[in-house]
Amino acid sequence: MPFTVRCPHCDTLLKVPDEYHYKVITCPKCNKEIEAISLETIEIGQKFLKQLEEQDEDLIIDESRPASRRHKKAPPKREDPGSETPRSRDS
């Protein structure tokens, strides 16, 4: 389903096929390159960021680092009794 993109250079509204979402395209009117992001996606992102700012004014959004959770250390691997690694025997 096509989506609408506004060229930031000449303000033209373009109908773009869905397969070009988030890709760089050339505006047919001004011939400048633009990233094809739907107006709806931009609006949703702006609303989300505004809500975050309203919740916590000291919040720092760093899009360069993915979110991560702290994990417990994995327990050490137990040696497989059928492994071919020789074990030392106590005499």
PDB file of N, CA and C in Angstrom:
ATOM      1  N   MET A   1       0.850  -1.174   0.000  1.00  0.00           N
ATOM      2  CA  MET A   1       0.000   0.000   0.000  1.00  0.00           C
ATOM      3  C   MET A   1       0.898   1.240   0.000  1.00  0.00           C
ATOM      4  N   PRO A   2       0.705   2.147  -0.940  1.00  0.00           N
ATOM      5  CA  PRO A   2       1.545   3.345  -0.999  1.00  0.00           C
ATOM      6  C   PRO A   2       1.381   4.234   0.239  1.00  0.00           C
ATOM      7  N   PHE A   3       2.416   4.977   0.555  1.00  0.00           N
ATOM      8  CA  PHE A   3       2.376   5.905   1.683  1.00  0.00           C
ATOM      9  C   PHE A   3       2.797   7.283   1.186  1.00  0.00           C
ATOM     10  N   THR A   4       2.516   8.293   2.005  1.00  0.00           N
ATOM     11  CA  THR A   4       2.793   9.672   1.615  1.00  0.00           C
ATOM     12  C   THR A   4       4.077  10.173   2.268  1.00  0.00           C
ATOM     13  N   VAL A   5       4.898  10.849   1.468  1.00  0.00           N
ATOM     14  CA  VAL A   5       6.161  11.435   1.914  1.00  0.00           C
ATOM     15  C   VAL A   5       6.157  12.908   1.514  1.00  0.00           C
ATOM     16  N   ARG A   6       6.647  13.763   2.400  1.00  0.00           N
ATOM     17  CA  ARG A   6       6.792  15.178   2.055  1.00  0.00           C
ATOM     18  C   ARG A   6       8.268  15.451   1.800  1.00  0.00           C
ATOM     19  N   CYS A   7       8.563  15.997   0.647  1.00  0.00           N
ATOM     20  CA  CYS A   7       9.942  16.362   0.326  1.00  0.00           C
ATOM     21  C   CYS A   7      10.333  17.556   1.189  1.00  0.00           C
ATOM     22  N   PRO A   8      11.394  17.450   1.985  1.00  0.00           N
ATOM     23  CA  PRO A   8      11.798  18.559   2.843  1.00  0.00           C
ATOM     24  C   PRO A   8      12.408  19.725   2.064  1.00  0.00           C
ATOM     25  N   HIS A   9      12.748  19.497   0.804  1.00  0.00           N
ATOM     26  CA  HIS A   9      13.392  20.541  -0.005  1.00  0.00           C
ATOM     27  C   HIS A   9      12.379  21.430  -0.726  1.00  0.00           C
ATOM     28  N   CYS A  10      11.328  20.786  -1.300  1.00  0.00           N
ATOM     29  CA  CYS A  10      10.369  21.569  -2.095  1.00  0.00           C
ATOM     30  C   CYS A  10       8.929  21.445  -1.575  1.00  0.00           C
ATOM     31  N   ASP A  11       8.743  20.714  -0.483  1.00  0.00           N
ATOM     32  CA  ASP A  11       7.436  20.566   0.175  1.00  0.00           C
ATOM     33  C   ASP A  11       6.394  19.802  -0.652  1.00  0.00           C
ATOM     34  N   THR A  12       6.819  19.074  -1.655  1.00  0.00           N
ATOM     35  CA  THR A  12       5.906  18.299  -2.487  1.00  0.00           C
ATOM     36  C   THR A  12       5.505  17.029  -1.764  1.00  0.00           C
ATOM     37  N   LEU A  13       4.216  16.679  -1.850  1.00  0.00           N
ATOM     38  CA  LEU A  13       3.734  15.419  -1.295  1.00  0.00           C
ATOM     39  C   LEU A  13       3.853  14.347  -2.371  1.00  0.00           C
ATOM     40  N   LEU A  14       4.453  13.232  -2.003  1.00  0.00           N
ATOM     41  CA  LEU A  14       4.678  12.146  -2.953  1.00  0.00           C
ATOM     42  C   LEU A  14       4.002  10.870  -2.463  1.00  0.00           C
ATOM     43  N   LYS A  15       3.395  10.130  -3.378  1.00  0.00           N
ATOM     44  CA  LYS A  15       2.871   8.797  -3.072  1.00  0.00           C
ATOM     45  C   LYS A  15       3.978   7.820  -3.451  1.00  0.00           C
ATOM     46  N   VAL A  16       4.439   7.046  -2.457  1.00  0.00           N
ATOM     47  CA  VAL A  16       5.585   6.163  -2.655  1.00  0.00           C
ATOM     48  C   VAL A  16       5.162   4.721  -2.386  1.00  0.00           C
ATOM     49  N   PRO A  17       5.544   3.776  -3.247  1.00  0.00           N
ATOM     50  CA  PRO A  17       5.231   2.369  -2.991  1.00  0.00           C
ATOM     51  C   PRO A  17       5.878   1.889  -1.690  1.00  0.00           C
ATOM     52  N   ASP A  18       5.194   1.006  -1.005  1.00  0.00           N
ATOM     53  CA  ASP A  18       5.630   0.523   0.314  1.00  0.00           C
ATOM     54  C   ASP A  18       7.038  -0.056   0.304  1.00  0.00           C
ATOM     55  N   GLU A  19       7.467  -0.620  -0.803  1.00  0.00           N
ATOM     56  CA  GLU A  19       8.795  -1.253  -0.875  1.00  0.00           C
ATOM     57  C   GLU A  19       9.944  -0.251  -0.722  1.00  0.00           C
ATOM     58  N   TYR A  20       9.654   1.060  -0.835  1.00  0.00           N
ATOM     59  CA  TYR A  20      10.688   2.080  -0.717  1.00  0.00           C
ATOM     60  C   TYR A  20      10.740   2.734   0.663  1.00  0.00           C
ATOM     61  N   HIS A  21       9.944   2.223   1.607  1.00  0.00           N
ATOM     62  CA  HIS A  21       9.931   2.802   2.953  1.00  0.00           C
ATOM     63  C   HIS A  21      11.321   2.701   3.566  1.00  0.00           C
ATOM     64  N   TYR A  22      11.836   3.789   4.109  1.00  0.00           N
ATOM     65  CA  TYR A  22      13.161   3.916   4.728  1.00  0.00           C
ATOM     66  C   TYR A  22      14.305   3.833   3.728  1.00  0.00           C
ATOM     67  N   LYS A  23      14.028   4.008   2.449  1.00  0.00           N
ATOM     68  CA  LYS A  23      15.095   4.011   1.446  1.00  0.00           C
ATOM     69  C   LYS A  23      15.272   5.433   0.918  1.00  0.00           C
ATOM     70  N   VAL A  24      16.424   5.703   0.342  1.00  0.00           N
ATOM     71  CA  VAL A  24      16.687   7.016  -0.243  1.00  0.00           C
ATOM     72  C   VAL A  24      16.128   7.022  -1.664  1.00  0.00           C
ATOM     73  N   ILE A  25      15.297   8.028  -1.954  1.00  0.00           N
ATOM     74  CA  ILE A  25      14.714   8.178  -3.278  1.00  0.00           C
ATOM     75  C   ILE A  25      14.995   9.601  -3.775  1.00  0.00           C
ATOM     76  N   THR A  26      14.738   9.842  -5.054  1.00  0.00           N
ATOM     77  CA  THR A  26      14.918  11.171  -5.625  1.00  0.00           C
ATOM     78  C   THR A  26      13.549  11.801  -5.844  1.00  0.00           C
ATOM     79  N   CYS A  27      13.377  13.008  -5.364  1.00  0.00           N
ATOM     80  CA  CYS A  27      12.130  13.741  -5.556  1.00  0.00           C
ATOM     81  C   CYS A  27      11.992  14.060  -7.048  1.00  0.00           C
ATOM     82  N   PRO A  28      10.861  13.704  -7.669  1.00  0.00           N
ATOM     83  CA  PRO A  28      10.710  13.961  -9.103  1.00  0.00           C
ATOM     84  C   PRO A  28      10.555  15.449  -9.439  1.00  0.00           C
ATOM     85  N   LYS A  29      10.212  16.266  -8.455  1.00  0.00           N
ATOM     86  CA  LYS A  29      10.028  17.699  -8.728  1.00  0.00           C
ATOM     87  C   LYS A  29      11.342  18.478  -8.626  1.00  0.00           C
ATOM     88  N   CYS A  30      12.087  18.284  -7.515  1.00  0.00           N
ATOM     89  CA  CYS A  30      13.312  19.075  -7.312  1.00  0.00           C
ATOM     90  C   CYS A  30      14.596  18.272  -7.574  1.00  0.00           C
ATOM     91  N   ASN A  31      14.462  16.975  -7.822  1.00  0.00           N
ATOM     92  CA  ASN A  31      15.592  16.080  -8.113  1.00  0.00           C
ATOM     93  C   ASN A  31      16.603  15.961  -6.976  1.00  0.00           C
ATOM     94  N   LYS A  32      16.168  16.209  -5.742  1.00  0.00           N
ATOM     95  CA  LYS A  32      17.063  16.040  -4.593  1.00  0.00           C
ATOM     96  C   LYS A  32      16.738  14.720  -3.902  1.00  0.00           C
ATOM     97  N   GLU A  33      17.751  14.147  -3.263  1.00  0.00           N
ATOM     98  CA  GLU A  33      17.548  12.878  -2.563  1.00  0.00           C
ATOM     99  C   GLU A  33      16.881  13.103  -1.213  1.00  0.00           C
ATOM    100  N   ILE A  34      15.944  12.206  -0.895  1.00  0.00           N
ATOM    101  CA  ILE A  34      15.248  12.253   0.388  1.00  0.00           C
ATOM    102  C   ILE A  34      15.104  10.828   0.911  1.00  0.00           C
ATOM    103  N   GLU A  35      14.951  10.697   2.219  1.00  0.00           N
ATOM    104  CA  GLU A  35      14.681   9.386   2.802  1.00  0.00           C
ATOM    105  C   GLU A  35      13.173   9.211   2.849  1.00  0.00           C
ATOM    106  N   ALA A  36      12.679   8.112   2.266  1.00  0.00           N
ATOM    107  CA  ALA A  36      11.249   7.868   2.174  1.00  0.00           C
ATOM    108  C   ALA A  36      10.721   7.313   3.499  1.00  0.00           C
ATOM    109  N   ILE A  37      10.250   8.226   4.342  1.00  0.00           N
ATOM    110  CA  ILE A  37       9.645   7.852   5.619  1.00  0.00           C
ATOM    111  C   ILE A  37       8.232   8.419   5.610  1.00  0.00           C
ATOM    112  N   SER A  38       7.256   7.578   5.899  1.00  0.00           N
ATOM    113  CA  SER A  38       5.869   8.029   5.826  1.00  0.00           C
ATOM    114  C   SER A  38       5.593   9.138   6.836  1.00  0.00           C
ATOM    115  N   LEU A  39       4.672  10.027   6.482  1.00  0.00           N
ATOM    116  CA  LEU A  39       4.287  11.107   7.385  1.00  0.00           C
ATOM    117  C   LEU A  39       3.739  10.544   8.690  1.00  0.00           C
ATOM    118  N   GLU A  40       3.032   9.412   8.607  1.00  0.00           N
ATOM    119  CA  GLU A  40       2.474   8.777   9.802  1.00  0.00           C
ATOM    120  C   GLU A  40       3.595   8.300  10.740  1.00  0.00           C
ATOM    121  N   THR A  41       4.642   7.703  10.172  1.00  0.00           N
ATOM    122  CA  THR A  41       5.772   7.238  10.986  1.00  0.00           C
ATOM    123  C   THR A  41       6.445   8.414  11.682  1.00  0.00           C
ATOM    124  N   ILE A  42       6.644   9.512  10.974  1.00  0.00           N
ATOM    125  CA  ILE A  42       7.270  10.704  11.556  1.00  0.00           C
ATOM    126  C   ILE A  42       6.406  11.262  12.682  1.00  0.00           C
ATOM    127  N   GLU A  43       5.081  11.328  12.446  1.00  0.00           N
ATOM    128  CA  GLU A  43       4.162  11.859  13.453  1.00  0.00           C
ATOM    129  C   GLU A  43       4.163  10.997  14.719  1.00  0.00           C
ATOM    130  N   ILE A  44       4.141   9.696  14.546  1.00  0.00           N
ATOM    131  CA  ILE A  44       4.159   8.783  15.699  1.00  0.00           C
ATOM    132  C   ILE A  44       5.458   8.950  16.482  1.00  0.00           C
ATOM    133  N   GLY A  45       6.578   9.054  15.791  1.00  0.00           N
ATOM    134  CA  GLY A  45       7.863   9.245  16.457  1.00  0.00           C
ATOM    135  C   GLY A  45       7.921  10.547  17.233  1.00  0.00           C
ATOM    136  N   GLN A  46       7.391  11.617  16.648  1.00  0.00           N
ATOM    137  CA  GLN A  46       7.392  12.914  17.327  1.00  0.00           C
ATOM    138  C   GLN A  46       6.515  12.885  18.577  1.00  0.00           C
ATOM    139  N   LYS A  47       5.355  12.234  18.485  1.00  0.00           N
ATOM    140  CA  LYS A  47       4.469  12.114  19.651  1.00  0.00           C
ATOM    141  C   LYS A  47       5.143  11.324  20.766  1.00  0.00           C
ATOM    142  N   PHE A  48       5.815  10.239  20.382  1.00  0.00           N
ATOM    143  CA  PHE A  48       6.498   9.396  21.366  1.00  0.00           C
ATOM    144  C   PHE A  48       7.590  10.183  22.084  1.00  0.00           C
ATOM    145  N   LEU A  49       8.407  10.908  21.337  1.00  0.00           N
ATOM    146  CA  LEU A  49       9.483  11.684  21.960  1.00  0.00           C
ATOM    147  C   LEU A  49       8.922  12.783  22.867  1.00  0.00           C
ATOM    148  N   LYS A  50       7.819  13.399  22.450  1.00  0.00           N
ATOM    149  CA  LYS A  50       7.199  14.432  23.276  1.00  0.00           C
ATOM    150  C   LYS A  50       6.693  13.843  24.590  1.00  0.00           C
ATOM    151  N   GLN A  51       6.088  12.652  24.530  1.00  0.00           N
ATOM    152  CA  GLN A  51       5.609  11.988  25.752  1.00  0.00           C
ATOM    153  C   GLN A  51       6.767  11.660  26.679  1.00  0.00           C
ATOM    154  N   LEU A  52       7.883  11.201  26.122  1.00  0.00           N
ATOM    155  CA  LEU A  52       9.056  10.900  26.951  1.00  0.00           C
ATOM    156  C   LEU A  52       9.567  12.155  27.648  1.00  0.00           C
ATOM    157  N   GLU A  53       9.641  13.251  26.918  1.00  0.00           N
ATOM    158  CA  GLU A  53      10.124  14.503  27.490  1.00  0.00           C
ATOM    159  C   GLU A  53       9.195  14.992  28.601  1.00  0.00           C
ATOM    160  N   GLU A  54       7.885  14.815  28.421  1.00  0.00           N
ATOM    161  CA  GLU A  54       6.922  15.246  29.440  1.00  0.00           C
ATOM    162  C   GLU A  54       7.025  14.391  30.700  1.00  0.00           C
ATOM    163  N   GLN A  55       7.358  13.122  30.544  1.00  0.00           N
ATOM    164  CA  GLN A  55       7.467  12.218  31.693  1.00  0.00           C
ATOM    165  C   GLN A  55       8.696  12.522  32.527  1.00  0.00           C
ATOM    166  N   ASP A  56       9.804  12.794  31.882  1.00  0.00           N
ATOM    167  CA  ASP A  56      11.058  12.976  32.601  1.00  0.00           C
ATOM    168  C   ASP A  56      11.918  13.987  31.851  1.00  0.00           C
ATOM    169  N   GLU A  57      11.994  15.200  32.376  1.00  0.00           N
ATOM    170  CA  GLU A  57      12.741  16.258  31.701  1.00  0.00           C
ATOM    171  C   GLU A  57      14.241  15.978  31.678  1.00  0.00           C
ATOM    172  N   ASP A  58      14.738  15.158  32.609  1.00  0.00           N
ATOM    173  CA  ASP A  58      16.168  14.857  32.666  1.00  0.00           C
ATOM    174  C   ASP A  58      16.539  13.633  31.834  1.00  0.00           C
ATOM    175  N   LEU A  59      15.557  13.049  31.159  1.00  0.00           N
ATOM    176  CA  LEU A  59      15.799  11.838  30.388  1.00  0.00           C
ATOM    177  C   LEU A  59      16.696  12.137  29.194  1.00  0.00           C
ATOM    178  N   ILE A  60      17.712  11.316  29.002  1.00  0.00           N
ATOM    179  CA  ILE A  60      18.615  11.457  27.862  1.00  0.00           C
ATOM    180  C   ILE A  60      18.366  10.274  26.939  1.00  0.00           C
ATOM    181  N   ILE A  61      18.010  10.567  25.712  1.00  0.00           N
ATOM    182  CA  ILE A  61      17.761   9.511  24.735  1.00  0.00           C
ATOM    183  C   ILE A  61      18.998   9.409  23.863  1.00  0.00           C
ATOM    184  N   ASP A  62      19.637   8.248  23.900  1.00  0.00           N
ATOM    185  CA  ASP A  62      20.848   8.017  23.124  1.00  0.00           C
ATOM    186  C   ASP A  62      20.542   6.925  22.113  1.00  0.00           C
ATOM    187  N   GLU A  63      20.259   7.313  20.881  1.00  0.00           N
ATOM    188  CA  GLU A  63      19.894   6.346  19.855  1.00  0.00           C
ATOM    189  C   GLU A  63      21.101   5.602  19.296  1.00  0.00           C
ATOM    190  N   SER A  64      22.289   5.978  19.716  1.00  0.00           N
ATOM    191  CA  SER A  64      23.482   5.313  19.195  1.00  0.00           C
ATOM    192  C   SER A  64      23.793   4.020  19.945  1.00  0.00           C
ATOM    193  N   ARG A  65      23.150   3.808  21.105  1.00  0.00           N
ATOM    194  CA  ARG A  65      23.388   2.591  21.886  1.00  0.00           C
ATOM    195  C   ARG A  65      22.075   1.846  22.067  1.00  0.00           C
ATOM    196  N   PRO A  66      22.043   0.557  21.738  1.00  0.00           N
ATOM    197  CA  PRO A  66      20.816  -0.205  21.953  1.00  0.00           C
ATOM    198  C   PRO A  66      20.578  -0.437  23.439  1.00  0.00           C
ATOM    199  N   ALA A  67      19.325  -0.596  23.790  1.00  0.00           N
ATOM    200  CA  ALA A  67      18.993  -0.897  25.180  1.00  0.00           C
ATOM    201  C   ALA A  67      19.504  -2.292  25.514  1.00  0.00           C
ATOM    202  N   SER A  68      19.905  -2.491  26.750  1.00  0.00           N
ATOM    203  CA  SER A  68      20.370  -3.812  27.150  1.00  0.00           C
ATOM    204  C   SER A  68      19.947  -4.078  28.580  1.00  0.00           C
ATOM    205  N   ARG A  69      19.865  -5.339  28.904  1.00  0.00           N
ATOM    206  CA  ARG A  69      19.540  -5.752  30.259  1.00  0.00           C
ATOM    207  C   ARG A  69      20.767  -6.400  30.865  1.00  0.00           C
ATOM    208  N   ARG A  70      20.868  -6.282  32.166  1.00  0.00           N
ATOM    209  CA  ARG A  70      21.973  -6.959  32.837  1.00  0.00           C
ATOM    210  C   ARG A  70      21.580  -8.415  33.046  1.00  0.00           C
ATOM    211  N   HIS A  71      22.465  -9.287  32.696  1.00  0.00           N
ATOM    212  CA  HIS A  71      22.210 -10.714  32.853  1.00  0.00           C
ATOM    213  C   HIS A  71      23.113 -11.276  33.934  1.00  0.00           C
ATOM    214  N   LYS A  72      22.609 -12.295  34.600  1.00  0.00           N
ATOM    215  CA  LYS A  72      23.458 -12.995  35.553  1.00  0.00           C
ATOM    216  C   LYS A  72      24.517 -13.739  34.777  1.00  0.00           C
ATOM    217  N   LYS A  73      25.663 -13.942  35.424  1.00  0.00           N
ATOM    218  CA  LYS A  73      26.713 -14.708  34.774  1.00  0.00           C
ATOM    219  C   LYS A  73      26.227 -16.129  34.560  1.00  0.00           C
ATOM    220  N   ALA A  74      26.546 -16.657  33.408  1.00  0.00           N
ATOM    221  CA  ALA A  74      26.173 -18.036  33.119  1.00  0.00           C
ATOM    222  C   ALA A  74      27.017 -18.963  33.992  1.00  0.00           C
ATOM    223  N   PRO A  75      26.425 -20.052  34.480  1.00  0.00           N
ATOM    224  CA  PRO A  75      27.212 -20.985  35.278  1.00  0.00           C
ATOM    225  C   PRO A  75      28.284 -21.611  34.401  1.00  0.00           C
ATOM    226  N   PRO A  76      29.412 -22.019  35.006  1.00  0.00           N
ATOM    227  CA  PRO A  76      30.475 -22.633  34.203  1.00  0.00           C
ATOM    228  C   PRO A  76      29.957 -23.909  33.544  1.00  0.00           C
ATOM    229  N   LYS A  77      30.447 -24.177  32.347  1.00  0.00           N
ATOM    230  CA  LYS A  77      30.008 -25.374  31.622  1.00  0.00           C
ATOM    231  C   LYS A  77      30.565 -26.610  32.309  1.00  0.00           C
ATOM    232  N   ARG A  78      29.704 -27.599  32.415  1.00  0.00           N
ATOM    233  CA  ARG A  78      30.146 -28.869  33.002  1.00  0.00           C
ATOM    234  C   ARG A  78      30.765 -29.707  31.904  1.00  0.00           C
ATOM    235  N   GLU A  79      31.778 -30.424  32.272  1.00  0.00           N
ATOM    236  CA  GLU A  79      32.468 -31.248  31.298  1.00  0.00           C
ATOM    237  C   GLU A  79      31.598 -32.436  30.931  1.00  0.00           C
ATOM    238  N   ASP A  80      31.485 -32.689  29.637  1.00  0.00           N
ATOM    239  CA  ASP A  80      30.685 -33.794  29.141  1.00  0.00           C
ATOM    240  C   ASP A  80      31.435 -35.095  29.402  1.00  0.00           C
ATOM    241  N   PRO A  81      30.799 -36.058  30.111  1.00  0.00           N
ATOM    242  CA  PRO A  81      31.502 -37.305  30.416  1.00  0.00           C
ATOM    243  C   PRO A  81      31.883 -38.082  29.167  1.00  0.00           C
ATOM    244  N   GLY A  82      31.240 -37.872  28.041  1.00  0.00           N
ATOM    245  CA  GLY A  82      31.575 -38.596  26.825  1.00  0.00           C
ATOM    246  C   GLY A  82      32.540 -37.848  25.941  1.00  0.00           C
ATOM    247  N   SER A  83      33.105 -36.767  26.440  1.00  0.00           N
ATOM    248  CA  SER A  83      33.996 -35.991  25.580  1.00  0.00           C
ATOM    249  C   SER A  83      35.312 -36.723  25.386  1.00  0.00           C
ATOM    250  N   GLU A  84      35.997 -36.357  24.318  1.00  0.00           N
ATOM    251  CA  GLU A  84      37.259 -37.032  24.000  1.00  0.00           C
ATOM    252  C   GLU A  84      38.447 -36.388  24.701  1.00  0.00           C
ATOM    253  N   THR A  85      38.232 -35.374  25.486  1.00  0.00           N
ATOM    254  CA  THR A  85      39.326 -34.722  26.187  1.00  0.00           C
ATOM    255  C   THR A  85      39.771 -35.629  27.333  1.00  0.00           C
ATOM    256  N   PRO A  86      41.059 -35.989  27.361  1.00  0.00           N
ATOM    257  CA  PRO A  86      41.522 -36.885  28.455  1.00  0.00           C
ATOM    258  C   PRO A  86      41.494 -36.165  29.801  1.00  0.00           C
ATOM    259  N   ARG A  87      41.143 -36.901  30.812  1.00  0.00           N
ATOM    260  CA  ARG A  87      41.146 -36.377  32.169  1.00  0.00           C
ATOM    261  C   ARG A  87      42.322 -36.968  32.923  1.00  0.00           C
ATOM    262  N   SER A  88      42.802 -36.218  33.883  1.00  0.00           N
ATOM    263  CA  SER A  88      43.892 -36.784  34.694  1.00  0.00           C
ATOM    264  C   SER A  88      43.283 -37.656  35.776  1.00  0.00           C
ATOM    265  N   ARG A  89      43.921 -38.778  36.056  1.00  0.00           N
ATOM    266  CA  ARG A  89      43.428 -39.688  37.091  1.00  0.00           C
ATOM    267  C   ARG A  89      44.307 -39.566  38.307  1.00  0.00           C
ATOM    268  N   ASP A  90      43.685 -39.613  39.425  1.00  0.00           N
ATOM    269  CA  ASP A  90      44.439 -39.646  40.674  1.00  0.00           C
ATOM    270  C   ASP A  90      44.712 -41.105  41.027  1.00  0.00           C
ATOM    271  N   SER A  91      45.973 -41.475  41.328  1.00  0.00           N
ATOM    272  CA  SER A  91      46.311 -42.867  41.635  1.00  0.00           C
ATOM    273  C   SER A  91      46.230 -43.139  43.096  1.00  0.00           C
TER     274      SER A  91
END
